PDB file of N, CA and C in Angstrom:
ATOM      1  N   MET A   1     135.096 119.372 106.153  1.00  0.00           N
ATOM      2  CA  MET A   1     134.635 119.045 105.474  1.00  0.00           C
ATOM      3  C   MET A   1     135.785 118.245 104.175  1.00  0.00           C
ATOM      4  N   PHE A   2     136.964 118.974 104.552  1.00  0.00           N
ATOM      5  CA  PHE A   2     137.416 118.586 102.743  1.00  0.00           C
ATOM      6  C   PHE A   2     138.687 117.083 103.834  1.00  0.00           C
ATOM      7  N   ARG A   3     138.417 116.945 105.296  1.00  0.00           N
ATOM      8  CA  ARG A   3     139.234 116.016 105.848  1.00  0.00           C
ATOM      9  C   ARG A   3     138.442 114.196 105.632  1.00  0.00           C
ATOM     10  N   HIS A   4     136.605 114.670 105.837  1.00  0.00           N
ATOM     11  CA  HIS A   4     135.711 113.857 105.608  1.00  0.00           C
ATOM     12  C   HIS A   4     135.833 113.410 104.250  1.00  0.00           C
ATOM     13  N   ARG A   5     136.255 114.248 103.409  1.00  0.00           N
ATOM     14  CA  ARG A   5     136.361 114.077 101.830  1.00  0.00           C
ATOM     15  C   ARG A   5     137.188 113.198 101.715  1.00  0.00           C
ATOM     16  N   PHE A   6     138.162 113.650 102.484  1.00  0.00           N
ATOM     17  CA  PHE A   6     139.736 112.744 101.937  1.00  0.00           C
ATOM     18  C   PHE A   6     139.746 110.887 102.614  1.00  0.00           C
ATOM     19  N   ILE A   7     138.991 111.014 103.407  1.00  0.00           N
ATOM     20  CA  ILE A   7     138.783 109.725 104.599  1.00  0.00           C
ATOM     21  C   ILE A   7     137.997 108.748 103.361  1.00  0.00           C
ATOM     22  N   THR A   8     137.199 109.327 102.990  1.00  0.00           N
ATOM     23  CA  THR A   8     135.622 108.561 102.492  1.00  0.00           C
ATOM     24  C   THR A   8     135.892 108.364 100.882  1.00  0.00           C
ATOM     25  N   GLU A   9     137.179 109.269 100.576  1.00  0.00           N
ATOM     26  CA  GLU A   9     138.250 108.880  99.136  1.00  0.00           C
ATOM     27  C   GLU A   9     138.784 107.356  99.061  1.00  0.00           C
ATOM     28  N   LYS A  10     139.836 107.812 100.346  1.00  0.00           N
ATOM     29  CA  LYS A  10     140.673 106.810 100.393  1.00  0.00           C
ATOM     30  C   LYS A  10     140.281 105.194 100.949  1.00  0.00           C
ATOM     31  N   PHE A  11     138.883 105.093 101.765  1.00  0.00           N
ATOM     32  CA  PHE A  11     137.915 103.904 101.452  1.00  0.00           C
ATOM     33  C   PHE A  11     137.985 103.753 100.584  1.00  0.00           C
ATOM     34  N   LYS A  12     137.097 104.188  99.505  1.00  0.00           N
ATOM     35  CA  LYS A  12     136.689 103.987  98.309  1.00  0.00           C
ATOM     36  C   LYS A  12     137.397 103.228  97.432  1.00  0.00           C
ATOM     37  N   GLU A  13     138.930 104.077  97.109  1.00  0.00           N
ATOM     38  CA  GLU A  13     139.872 103.148  96.686  1.00  0.00           C
ATOM     39  C   GLU A  13     140.040 102.223  97.521  1.00  0.00           C
ATOM     40  N   LEU A  14     140.282 101.785  98.734  1.00  0.00           N
ATOM     41  CA  LEU A  14     140.546 100.256  99.388  1.00  0.00           C
ATOM     42  C   LEU A  14     139.408  99.593  98.970  1.00  0.00           C
ATOM     43  N   ILE A  15     138.419  99.686  98.899  1.00  0.00           N
ATOM     44  CA  ILE A  15     137.209  98.973  98.258  1.00  0.00           C
ATOM     45  C   ILE A  15     137.168  98.804  97.000  1.00  0.00           C
ATOM     46  N   VAL A  16     137.329  99.485  95.963  1.00  0.00           N
ATOM     47  CA  VAL A  16     137.561  99.410  94.601  1.00  0.00           C
ATOM     48  C   VAL A  16     138.341  98.067  94.272  1.00  0.00           C
ATOM     49  N   HIS A  17     140.011  98.693  94.691  1.00  0.00           N
ATOM     50  CA  HIS A  17     141.024  97.935  95.227  1.00  0.00           C
ATOM     51  C   HIS A  17     141.292  96.534  95.675  1.00  0.00           C
ATOM     52  N   TYR A  18     140.297  96.097  96.449  1.00  0.00           N
ATOM     53  CA  TYR A  18     140.123  94.749  96.498  1.00  0.00           C
ATOM     54  C   TYR A  18     139.438  94.210  96.740  1.00  0.00           C
ATOM     55  N   ASP A  19     138.007  95.133  96.062  1.00  0.00           N
ATOM     56  CA  ASP A  19     136.899  94.323  94.896  1.00  0.00           C
ATOM     57  C   ASP A  19     136.241  93.578  96.040  1.00  0.00           C
ATOM     58  N   LEU A  20     135.954  94.229  97.197  1.00  0.00           N
ATOM     59  CA  LEU A  20     134.839  93.920  98.852  1.00  0.00           C
ATOM     60  C   LEU A  20     133.724  94.078  97.843  1.00  0.00           C
ATOM     61  N   GLN A  21     132.840  92.838  98.595  1.00  0.00           N
ATOM     62  CA  GLN A  21     131.434  93.493  98.120  1.00  0.00           C
ATOM     63  C   GLN A  21     130.374  93.828  99.331  1.00  0.00           C
ATOM     64  N   ASN A  22     131.038  93.880 100.597  1.00  0.00           N
ATOM     65  CA  ASN A  22     129.850  94.351 101.654  1.00  0.00           C
ATOM     66  C   ASN A  22     130.889  94.928 102.595  1.00  0.00           C
ATOM     67  N   THR A  23     129.940  95.929 103.320  1.00  0.00           N
ATOM     68  CA  THR A  23     130.891  96.650 104.158  1.00  0.00           C
ATOM     69  C   THR A  23     131.229  95.546 105.687  1.00  0.00           C
ATOM     70  N   ASP A  24     130.844  94.698 105.808  1.00  0.00           N
ATOM     71  CA  ASP A  24     131.046  93.606 106.290  1.00  0.00           C
ATOM     72  C   ASP A  24     132.273  93.072 106.184  1.00  0.00           C
ATOM     73  N   VAL A  25     132.782  92.418 104.928  1.00  0.00           N
ATOM     74  CA  VAL A  25     133.881  91.669 104.571  1.00  0.00           C
ATOM     75  C   VAL A  25     134.821  92.970 104.303  1.00  0.00           C
ATOM     76  N   MET A  26     134.704  94.213 103.947  1.00  0.00           N
ATOM     77  CA  MET A  26     135.820  95.393 104.152  1.00  0.00           C
ATOM     78  C   MET A  26     135.999  95.147 106.110  1.00  0.00           C
ATOM     79  N   ARG A  27     134.848  95.700 106.991  1.00  0.00           N
ATOM     80  CA  ARG A  27     135.315  95.707 107.764  1.00  0.00           C
ATOM     81  C   ARG A  27     136.297  94.539 108.991  1.00  0.00           C
ATOM     82  N   ARG A  28     136.119  93.467 108.314  1.00  0.00           N
ATOM     83  CA  ARG A  28     136.967  92.399 109.066  1.00  0.00           C
ATOM     84  C   ARG A  28     138.272  92.629 108.052  1.00  0.00           C
ATOM     85  N   ALA A  29     137.919  92.672 106.641  1.00  0.00           N
ATOM     86  CA  ALA A  29     139.642  93.112 105.997  1.00  0.00           C
ATOM     87  C   ALA A  29     140.726  93.875 106.514  1.00  0.00           C
ATOM     88  N   LEU A  30     139.750  95.125 107.184  1.00  0.00           N
ATOM     89  CA  LEU A  30     140.416  96.209 107.922  1.00  0.00           C
ATOM     90  C   LEU A  30     140.749  95.837 109.289  1.00  0.00           C
ATOM     91  N   ALA A  31     140.142  95.307 109.917  1.00  0.00           N
ATOM     92  CA  ALA A  31     140.108  95.014 111.378  1.00  0.00           C
ATOM     93  C   ALA A  31     141.545  93.791 111.210  1.00  0.00           C
ATOM     94  N   ASN A  32     141.905  93.186 110.551  1.00  0.00           N
ATOM     95  CA  ASN A  32     142.628  92.259 110.533  1.00  0.00           C
ATOM     96  C   ASN A  32     143.508  93.018 109.791  1.00  0.00           C
ATOM     97  N   ALA A  33     143.797  93.808 109.626  1.00  0.00           N
ATOM     98  CA  ALA A  33     144.927  94.765 108.815  1.00  0.00           C
ATOM     99  C   ALA A  33     144.964  96.409 109.460  1.00  0.00           C
ATOM    100  N   ASP A  34     145.111  96.113 110.998  1.00  0.00           N
ATOM    101  CA  ASP A  34     145.363  97.420 111.427  1.00  0.00           C
ATOM    102  C   ASP A  34     146.266  98.616 110.796  1.00  0.00           C
ATOM    103  N   VAL A  35     147.264  97.767 110.276  1.00  0.00           N
ATOM    104  CA  VAL A  35     148.274  98.986 109.452  1.00  0.00           C
ATOM    105  C   VAL A  35     147.444  99.678 108.873  1.00  0.00           C
ATOM    106  N   ILE A  36     146.590  99.645 108.111  1.00  0.00           N
ATOM    107  CA  ILE A  36     145.885 100.417 106.922  1.00  0.00           C
ATOM    108  C   ILE A  36     145.020 101.681 107.752  1.00  0.00           C
ATOM    109  N   LYS A  37     144.379 101.031 108.839  1.00  0.00           N
ATOM    110  CA  LYS A  37     143.657 101.978 109.658  1.00  0.00           C
ATOM    111  C   LYS A  37     144.848 102.702 110.674  1.00  0.00           C
ATOM    112  N   ARG A  38     146.075 102.185 110.687  1.00  0.00           N
ATOM    113  CA  ARG A  38     146.812 103.188 111.313  1.00  0.00           C
ATOM    114  C   ARG A  38     147.775 104.568 110.448  1.00  0.00           C
ATOM    115  N   VAL A  39     147.735 103.563 109.102  1.00  0.00           N
ATOM    116  CA  VAL A  39     148.259 104.512 108.434  1.00  0.00           C
ATOM    117  C   VAL A  39     147.021 105.998 107.967  1.00  0.00           C
ATOM    118  N   LEU A  40     145.969 105.417 107.800  1.00  0.00           N
ATOM    119  CA  LEU A  40     144.664 106.043 107.140  1.00  0.00           C
ATOM    120  C   LEU A  40     144.475 107.111 108.941  1.00  0.00           C
ATOM    121  N   GLN A  41     145.004 106.864 110.199  1.00  0.00           N
ATOM    122  CA  GLN A  41     144.690 107.459 111.399  1.00  0.00           C
ATOM    123  C   GLN A  41     146.083 108.485 111.699  1.00  0.00           C
ATOM    124  N   GLU A  42     147.345 108.213 111.080  1.00  0.00           N
ATOM    125  CA  GLU A  42     148.284 109.295 110.820  1.00  0.00           C
ATOM    126  C   GLU A  42     147.712 110.262 109.488  1.00  0.00           C
ATOM    127  N   TRP A  43     147.334 109.983 108.803  1.00  0.00           N
ATOM    128  CA  TRP A  43     146.818 110.779 107.749  1.00  0.00           C
ATOM    129  C   TRP A  43     146.277 112.007 108.118  1.00  0.00           C
ATOM    130  N   THR A  44     145.083 111.080 108.880  1.00  0.00           N
ATOM    131  CA  THR A  44     143.829 112.213 109.080  1.00  0.00           C
ATOM    132  C   THR A  44     143.857 112.894 110.235  1.00  0.00           C
ATOM    133  N   GLY A  45     144.771 112.360 111.089  1.00  0.00           N
ATOM    134  CA  GLY A  45     144.860 113.041 112.798  1.00  0.00           C
ATOM    135  C   GLY A  45     143.934 112.392 113.614  1.00  0.00           C
ATOM    136  N   HIS A  46     142.976 111.192 113.534  1.00  0.00           N
ATOM    137  CA  HIS A  46     142.055 110.122 114.628  1.00  0.00           C
ATOM    138  C   HIS A  46     143.085 110.192 115.748  1.00  0.00           C
ATOM    139  N   LYS A  47     142.267 110.127 116.524  1.00  0.00           N
ATOM    140  CA  LYS A  47     142.896 109.295 117.518  1.00  0.00           C
ATOM    141  C   LYS A  47     142.594 107.969 118.328  1.00  0.00           C
ATOM    142  N   ILE A  48     141.614 107.362 117.194  1.00  0.00           N
ATOM    143  CA  ILE A  48     141.030 105.874 117.455  1.00  0.00           C
ATOM    144  C   ILE A  48     140.561 105.720 116.582  1.00  0.00           C
ATOM    145  N   THR A  49     141.418 104.740 116.016  1.00  0.00           N
ATOM    146  CA  THR A  49     141.286 103.700 114.507  1.00  0.00           C
ATOM    147  C   THR A  49     139.810 103.641 114.176  1.00  0.00           C
ATOM    148  N   GLU A  50     139.047 103.051 115.777  1.00  0.00           N
ATOM    149  CA  GLU A  50     137.293 102.877 115.574  1.00  0.00           C
ATOM    150  C   GLU A  50     136.868 103.796 114.747  1.00  0.00           C
ATOM    151  N   SER A  51     136.900 104.884 115.023  1.00  0.00           N
ATOM    152  CA  SER A  51     136.596 106.332 114.949  1.00  0.00           C
ATOM    153  C   SER A  51     136.451 106.169 113.225  1.00  0.00           C
ATOM    154  N   LEU A  52     137.040 105.941 112.369  1.00  0.00           N
ATOM    155  CA  LEU A  52     136.929 105.319 110.949  1.00  0.00           C
ATOM    156  C   LEU A  52     136.332 104.668 110.320  1.00  0.00           C
ATOM    157  N   ASP A  53     135.656 103.522 111.147  1.00  0.00           N
ATOM    158  CA  ASP A  53     134.643 102.609 110.888  1.00  0.00           C
ATOM    159  C   ASP A  53     133.658 103.634 109.751  1.00  0.00           C
ATOM    160  N   ARG A  54     132.877 104.652 110.123  1.00  0.00           N
ATOM    161  CA  ARG A  54     131.913 105.040 109.805  1.00  0.00           C
ATOM    162  C   ARG A  54     131.906 105.296 108.406  1.00  0.00           C
ATOM    163  N   TYR A  55     133.471 105.884 107.953  1.00  0.00           N
ATOM    164  CA  TYR A  55     133.640 106.336 106.746  1.00  0.00           C
ATOM    165  C   TYR A  55     133.502 104.921 105.800  1.00  0.00           C
ATOM    166  N   ILE A  56     133.390 103.771 106.297  1.00  0.00           N
ATOM    167  CA  ILE A  56     133.457 102.509 105.739  1.00  0.00           C
ATOM    168  C   ILE A  56     131.904 102.345 105.403  1.00  0.00           C
ATOM    169  N   HIS A  57     130.936 102.505 105.815  1.00  0.00           N
ATOM    170  CA  HIS A  57     129.664 102.992 105.041  1.00  0.00           C
ATOM    171  C   HIS A  57     129.358 104.375 104.107  1.00  0.00           C
ATOM    172  N   LEU A  58     130.091 105.457 104.438  1.00  0.00           N
ATOM    173  CA  LEU A  58     130.082 106.348 103.603  1.00  0.00           C
ATOM    174  C   LEU A  58     130.707 105.778 102.516  1.00  0.00           C
ATOM    175  N   ALA A  59     131.855 105.300 102.051  1.00  0.00           N
ATOM    176  CA  ALA A  59     132.532 105.230 100.948  1.00  0.00           C
ATOM    177  C   ALA A  59     131.771 103.890 100.291  1.00  0.00           C
ATOM    178  N   TYR A  60     131.348 103.315 100.871  1.00  0.00           N
ATOM    179  CA  TYR A  60     130.035 101.630  99.927  1.00  0.00           C
ATOM    180  C   TYR A  60     128.882 102.682  99.507  1.00  0.00           C
ATOM    181  N   ASN A  61     128.527 103.337 100.530  1.00  0.00           N
ATOM    182  CA  ASN A  61     127.085 104.022  99.858  1.00  0.00           C
ATOM    183  C   ASN A  61     127.864 105.112  98.603  1.00  0.00           C
ATOM    184  N   GLU A  62     128.341 105.404  98.330  1.00  0.00           N
ATOM    185  CA  GLU A  62     128.762 106.492  97.346  1.00  0.00           C
ATOM    186  C   GLU A  62     129.210 105.511  95.931  1.00  0.00           C
ATOM    187  N   LEU A  63     129.716 104.248  96.635  1.00  0.00           N
ATOM    188  CA  LEU A  63     130.120 103.213  95.099  1.00  0.00           C
ATOM    189  C   LEU A  63     128.662 102.958  94.653  1.00  0.00           C
ATOM    190  N   ALA A  64     128.312 102.715  95.981  1.00  0.00           N
ATOM    191  CA  ALA A  64     126.652 101.411  95.048  1.00  0.00           C
ATOM    192  C   ALA A  64     125.979 102.929  94.380  1.00  0.00           C
ATOM    193  N   ARG A  65     126.156 104.393  95.214  1.00  0.00           N
ATOM    194  CA  ARG A  65     125.330 104.798  93.720  1.00  0.00           C
ATOM    195  C   ARG A  65     126.552 105.453  92.170  1.00  0.00           C
ATOM    196  N   MET A  66     127.043 105.107  92.853  1.00  0.00           N
ATOM    197  CA  MET A  66     128.105 104.902  91.178  1.00  0.00           C
ATOM    198  C   MET A  66     128.121 103.922  90.383  1.00  0.00           C
ATOM    199  N   GLU A  67     127.379 102.772  90.879  1.00  0.00           N
ATOM    200  CA  GLU A  67     126.726 101.721  90.006  1.00  0.00           C
ATOM    201  C   GLU A  67     125.762 102.173  89.447  1.00  0.00           C
ATOM    202  N   ALA A  68     124.779 102.649  90.044  1.00  0.00           N
ATOM    203  CA  ALA A  68     123.416 103.312  89.218  1.00  0.00           C
ATOM    204  C   ALA A  68     123.971 104.351  87.889  1.00  0.00           C
ATOM    205  N   VAL A  69     124.969 105.111  88.325  1.00  0.00           N
ATOM    206  CA  VAL A  69     125.137 106.246  87.252  1.00  0.00           C
ATOM    207  C   VAL A  69     125.831 105.610  85.766  1.00  0.00           C
ATOM    208  N   VAL A  70     126.200 104.499  86.350  1.00  0.00           N
ATOM    209  CA  VAL A  70     127.499 103.610  85.331  1.00  0.00           C
ATOM    210  C   VAL A  70     126.349 102.758  84.783  1.00  0.00           C
ATOM    211  N   SER A  71     124.911 102.601  85.018  1.00  0.00           N
ATOM    212  CA  SER A  71     123.896 101.768  84.689  1.00  0.00           C
ATOM    213  C   SER A  71     123.243 102.998  83.536  1.00  0.00           C
ATOM    214  N   ASP A  72     123.194 104.063  84.154  1.00  0.00           N
ATOM    215  CA  ASP A  72     122.443 105.033  83.169  1.00  0.00           C
ATOM    216  C   ASP A  72     123.523 105.149  82.319  1.00  0.00           C
ATOM    217  N   VAL A  73     124.640 105.629  82.238  1.00  0.00           N
ATOM    218  CA  VAL A  73     125.623 105.524  81.550  1.00  0.00           C
ATOM    219  C   VAL A  73     125.547 104.461  79.985  1.00  0.00           C
ATOM    220  N   PHE A  74     125.202 103.104  80.501  1.00  0.00           N
ATOM    221  CA  PHE A  74     124.947 101.904  79.376  1.00  0.00           C
ATOM    222  C   PHE A  74     123.696 102.504  78.666  1.00  0.00           C
ATOM    223  N   ALA A  75     122.654 102.666  79.812  1.00  0.00           N
ATOM    224  CA  ALA A  75     121.392 102.605  79.431  1.00  0.00           C
ATOM    225  C   ALA A  75     121.239 104.464  78.126  1.00  0.00           C
ATOM    226  N   ASP A  76     121.746 104.748  78.229  1.00  0.00           N
ATOM    227  CA  ASP A  76     121.684 106.305  77.478  1.00  0.00           C
ATOM    228  C   ASP A  76     122.633 105.692  76.184  1.00  0.00           C
ATOM    229  N   ALA A  77     123.471 105.166  76.494  1.00  0.00           N
ATOM    230  CA  ALA A  77     124.511 104.580  75.258  1.00  0.00           C
ATOM    231  C   ALA A  77     123.654 103.383  74.469  1.00  0.00           C
ATOM    232  N   SER A  78     122.685 102.646  74.778  1.00  0.00           N
ATOM    233  CA  SER A  78     121.901 101.644  74.307  1.00  0.00           C
ATOM    234  C   SER A  78     121.007 102.278  73.823  1.00  0.00           C
ATOM    235  N   VAL A  79     120.595 103.577  73.773  1.00  0.00           N
ATOM    236  CA  VAL A  79     119.360 104.171  73.754  1.00  0.00           C
ATOM    237  C   VAL A  79     119.919 105.103  71.981  1.00  0.00           C
ATOM    238  N   LYS A  80     121.434 105.705  72.084  1.00  0.00           N
ATOM    239  CA  LYS A  80     121.789 106.300  71.210  1.00  0.00           C
ATOM    240  C   LYS A  80     122.174 105.109  70.301  1.00  0.00           C
ATOM    241  N   ALA A  81     122.215 103.909  70.573  1.00  0.00           N
ATOM    242  CA  ALA A  81     123.007 103.023  69.304  1.00  0.00           C
ATOM    243  C   ALA A  81     121.509 102.527  68.391  1.00  0.00           C
ATOM    244  N   LEU A  82     120.263 102.443  69.258  1.00  0.00           N
ATOM    245  CA  LEU A  82     119.060 102.053  69.172  1.00  0.00           C
ATOM    246  C   LEU A  82     118.777 103.487  67.732  1.00  0.00           C
ATOM    247  N   SER A  83     118.859 104.085  68.505  1.00  0.00           N
ATOM    248  CA  SER A  83     118.954 105.434  67.156  1.00  0.00           C
ATOM    249  C   SER A  83     119.280 105.741  66.256  1.00  0.00           C
ATOM    250  N   ALA A  84     120.869 105.052  66.640  1.00  0.00           N
ATOM    251  CA  ALA A  84     121.404 105.270  65.081  1.00  0.00           C
ATOM    252  C   ALA A  84     121.344 104.150  64.324  1.00  0.00           C
ATOM    253  N   ILE A  85     120.818 102.949  64.603  1.00  0.00           N
ATOM    254  CA  ILE A  85     120.138 101.925  63.914  1.00  0.00           C
ATOM    255  C   ILE A  85     119.079 101.894  63.171  1.00  0.00           C
ATOM    256  N   LEU A  86     117.940 102.841  63.857  1.00  0.00           N
ATOM    257  CA  LEU A  86     116.506 103.435  63.367  1.00  0.00           C
ATOM    258  C   LEU A  86     116.835 104.560  62.086  1.00  0.00           C
ATOM    259  N   ASP A  87     117.627 105.461  62.298  1.00  0.00           N
ATOM    260  CA  ASP A  87     118.299 106.455  61.222  1.00  0.00           C
ATOM    261  C   ASP A  87     118.713 105.854  60.084  1.00  0.00           C
ATOM    262  N   ASP A  88     119.511 104.643  60.548  1.00  0.00           N
ATOM    263  CA  ASP A  88     120.382 103.473  59.396  1.00  0.00           C
ATOM    264  C   ASP A  88     118.967 103.304  58.310  1.00  0.00           C
ATOM    265  N   TYR A  89     118.090 102.581  59.223  1.00  0.00           N
ATOM    266  CA  TYR A  89     116.735 102.423  58.052  1.00  0.00           C
ATOM    267  C   TYR A  89     116.080 103.224  57.683  1.00  0.00           C
ATOM    268  N   GLU A  90     115.966 104.361  58.281  1.00  0.00           N
ATOM    269  CA  GLU A  90     115.738 105.275  57.021  1.00  0.00           C
ATOM    270  C   GLU A  90     116.126 105.462  55.944  1.00  0.00           C
ATOM    271  N   ALA A  91     117.121 106.314  56.703  1.00  0.00           N
ATOM    272  CA  ALA A  91     118.242 106.118  55.369  1.00  0.00           C
ATOM    273  C   ALA A  91     118.617 105.362  54.185  1.00  0.00           C
ATOM    274  N   ASP A  92     118.507 104.161  54.389  1.00  0.00           N
ATOM    275  CA  ASP A  92     118.042 103.019  53.278  1.00  0.00           C
ATOM    276  C   ASP A  92     116.611 103.010  52.875  1.00  0.00           C
ATOM    277  N   TYR A  93     115.790 103.717  53.284  1.00  0.00           N
ATOM    278  CA  TYR A  93     114.193 103.674  52.968  1.00  0.00           C
ATOM    279  C   TYR A  93     114.391 105.068  51.951  1.00  0.00           C
ATOM    280  N   ARG A  94     115.173 105.844  52.337  1.00  0.00           N
ATOM    281  CA  ARG A  94     115.153 107.606  51.443  1.00  0.00           C
ATOM    282  C   ARG A  94     116.036 106.940  50.144  1.00  0.00           C
ATOM    283  N   ALA A  95     116.978 105.943  50.326  1.00  0.00           N
ATOM    284  CA  ALA A  95     117.331 106.155  49.196  1.00  0.00           C
ATOM    285  C   ALA A  95     116.971 105.203  48.507  1.00  0.00           C
ATOM    286  N   GLY A  96     116.188 104.347  49.058  1.00  0.00           N
ATOM    287  CA  GLY A  96     115.669 103.731  48.060  1.00  0.00           C
ATOM    288  C   GLY A  96     115.987 101.857  48.067  1.00  0.00           C
ATOM    289  N   LEU A  97     116.252 101.734  48.933  1.00  0.00           N
ATOM    290  CA  LEU A  97     117.275 100.594  49.444  1.00  0.00           C
ATOM    291  C   LEU A  97     116.307  99.650  49.954  1.00  0.00           C
ATOM    292  N   ILE A  98     115.579  99.817  50.133  1.00  0.00           N
ATOM    293  CA  ILE A  98     114.334  98.585  51.051  1.00  0.00           C
ATOM    294  C   ILE A  98     112.726  99.580  50.816  1.00  0.00           C
ATOM    295  N   SER A  99     111.980  98.963  51.278  1.00  0.00           N
ATOM    296  CA  SER A  99     110.373  99.695  50.980  1.00  0.00           C
ATOM    297  C   SER A  99     110.042 100.071  52.276  1.00  0.00           C
ATOM    298  N   ALA A 100     108.889 100.879  52.144  1.00  0.00           N
ATOM    299  CA  ALA A 100     108.365 101.580  53.426  1.00  0.00           C
ATOM    300  C   ALA A 100     108.168 100.711  54.727  1.00  0.00           C
ATOM    301  N   GLN A 101     107.280  99.247  53.991  1.00  0.00           N
ATOM    302  CA  GLN A 101     106.917  98.552  54.658  1.00  0.00           C
ATOM    303  C   GLN A 101     108.179  97.237  55.474  1.00  0.00           C
ATOM    304  N   ASP A 102     109.654  97.441  54.543  1.00  0.00           N
ATOM    305  CA  ASP A 102     110.223  96.653  55.355  1.00  0.00           C
ATOM    306  C   ASP A 102     111.022  97.910  56.471  1.00  0.00           C
ATOM    307  N   GLN A 103     111.114  99.212  56.065  1.00  0.00           N
ATOM    308  CA  GLN A 103     111.742  99.881  56.951  1.00  0.00           C
ATOM    309  C   GLN A 103     110.812  99.757  58.482  1.00  0.00           C
ATOM    310  N   GLU A 104     109.959  99.362  57.887  1.00  0.00           N
ATOM    311  CA  GLU A 104     108.668  99.806  59.411  1.00  0.00           C
ATOM    312  C   GLU A 104     109.074  98.710  59.889  1.00  0.00           C
ATOM    313  N   ASP A 105     108.915  96.970  59.329  1.00  0.00           N
ATOM    314  CA  ASP A 105     109.042  96.092  59.708  1.00  0.00           C
ATOM    315  C   ASP A 105     110.407  95.501  60.629  1.00  0.00           C
ATOM    316  N   ARG A 106     111.357  95.922  60.112  1.00  0.00           N
ATOM    317  CA  ARG A 106     113.112  96.292  60.775  1.00  0.00           C
ATOM    318  C   ARG A 106     113.097  97.138  61.972  1.00  0.00           C
ATOM    319  N   SER A 107     112.174  98.251  62.166  1.00  0.00           N
ATOM    320  CA  SER A 107     112.591  98.756  62.888  1.00  0.00           C
ATOM    321  C   SER A 107     111.542  98.663  64.074  1.00  0.00           C
ATOM    322  N   ILE A 108     110.514  97.888  64.005  1.00  0.00           N
ATOM    323  CA  ILE A 108     109.657  97.142  64.787  1.00  0.00           C
ATOM    324  C   ILE A 108     110.360  96.194  65.694  1.00  0.00           C
ATOM    325  N   SER A 109     111.127  95.371  64.820  1.00  0.00           N
ATOM    326  CA  SER A 109     111.850  94.276  65.290  1.00  0.00           C
ATOM    327  C   SER A 109     113.052  94.686  66.198  1.00  0.00           C
ATOM    328  N   THR A 110     113.355  95.898  65.459  1.00  0.00           N
ATOM    329  CA  THR A 110     114.763  96.192  66.625  1.00  0.00           C
ATOM    330  C   THR A 110     114.146  96.555  67.925  1.00  0.00           C
ATOM    331  N   ILE A 111     113.334  97.463  67.942  1.00  0.00           N
ATOM    332  CA  ILE A 111     112.691  98.222  68.973  1.00  0.00           C
ATOM    333  C   ILE A 111     112.452  97.443  69.962  1.00  0.00           C
ATOM    334  N   ARG A 112     111.815  95.655  69.222  1.00  0.00           N
ATOM    335  CA  ARG A 112     111.337  94.509  70.680  1.00  0.00           C
ATOM    336  C   ARG A 112     112.292  94.148  70.906  1.00  0.00           C
ATOM    337  N   ASN A 113     113.518  93.910  70.190  1.00  0.00           N
ATOM    338  CA  ASN A 113     114.617  93.118  70.357  1.00  0.00           C
ATOM    339  C   ASN A 113     115.085  94.253  71.577  1.00  0.00           C
ATOM    340  N   TYR A 114     115.443  95.276  71.580  1.00  0.00           N
ATOM    341  CA  TYR A 114     116.033  96.177  72.285  1.00  0.00           C
ATOM    342  C   TYR A 114     115.025  96.098  73.695  1.00  0.00           C
ATOM    343  N   LEU A 115     113.935  96.340  73.667  1.00  0.00           N
ATOM    344  CA  LEU A 115     112.889  96.201  74.960  1.00  0.00           C
ATOM    345  C   LEU A 115     113.192  94.697  75.626  1.00  0.00           C
ATOM    346  N   ARG A 116     113.019  93.502  75.276  1.00  0.00           N
ATOM    347  CA  ARG A 116     113.163  92.497  75.168  1.00  0.00           C
ATOM    348  C   ARG A 116     114.643  92.108  76.432  1.00  0.00           C
ATOM    349  N   THR A 117     115.878  93.342  75.728  1.00  0.00           N
ATOM    350  CA  THR A 117     116.903  93.165  76.497  1.00  0.00           C
ATOM    351  C   THR A 117     116.970  94.033  77.787  1.00  0.00           C
ATOM    352  N   ARG A 118     116.375  94.894  77.806  1.00  0.00           N
ATOM    353  CA  ARG A 118     116.262  95.761  78.360  1.00  0.00           C
ATOM    354  C   ARG A 118     115.015  95.614  79.689  1.00  0.00           C
ATOM    355  N   THR A 119     114.279  94.261  79.924  1.00  0.00           N
ATOM    356  CA  THR A 119     113.689  93.851  80.942  1.00  0.00           C
ATOM    357  C   THR A 119     114.771  92.323  81.419  1.00  0.00           C
TER     358      THR A 119
END
């Protein structure tokens, strides 16, 4: 299990480092760079370098899921920012700096703008 994780992580590093956009490009890059496969073969003890090809798919799939995680993190940050803005409007209202109508109008406008950017 550790060996499989190690190989997959090494391929992920290569994919990220070379910013390769799909597994076909990665496969061609690795085919043209047998040195990389031979180094990984030495590290892992694989007898045939082609047996490393399946890790290309595993690494790419993990990176693809990572993009979803990053997207979720950004979404969470934007919700927190929206919440902070709405809290500021409420604080301004409570401090007497804006009217209840201004607070409502600003809040609705901010929420609408937020929703427009999400689609």
